């Protein structure tokens, strides 16, 4: 790995942790426990466009591990990991298809992140009742996906002149 790519990867991983911490400090009044806008996902979206695909996985795994360790605890690790893995798979597939813009990819990533977390909750809690949250989480995912997609697009435009 070239030094410049390594530096970008490390910087993006650190930023994702910092953004996750900021979001942890500023909980939103959303009626679904644990629902967030996902500010740190601006970094994941940016990494999809700036770095080779495998490095986005590294950033995601670092973000999930360190954020869970420092801010949310061990149980949140599995929810965050399951949502992040499904989300990144979907986003990489959609980006690779070339048929979707960054905002559409972000929305799909946010919704699939929520679905991944519900799948994890279903497995951990052994209850079908978790699916009652699906409509609200899809709505939250669409809104947050649009916001994150717009911010990631603006970030990429600003970075284009500096990289």
Foldseek 3Di string as FASTA:
>chain_A
DDPVQVVLLVVLLVQLQVQLVVQLVPDDPAPDPPDGLRLSVLSLLLCLVVHPLVSSVVSQVSNLVVCCVPRPHDVVSQLSVQLQVQLSVQLNVVVVVVPDALLVSLLSSQLSSVVSSLVVCCVVVVDPVSCVCNVVSNVSSNVSSNVSSVVSVVVNVVCVVPD
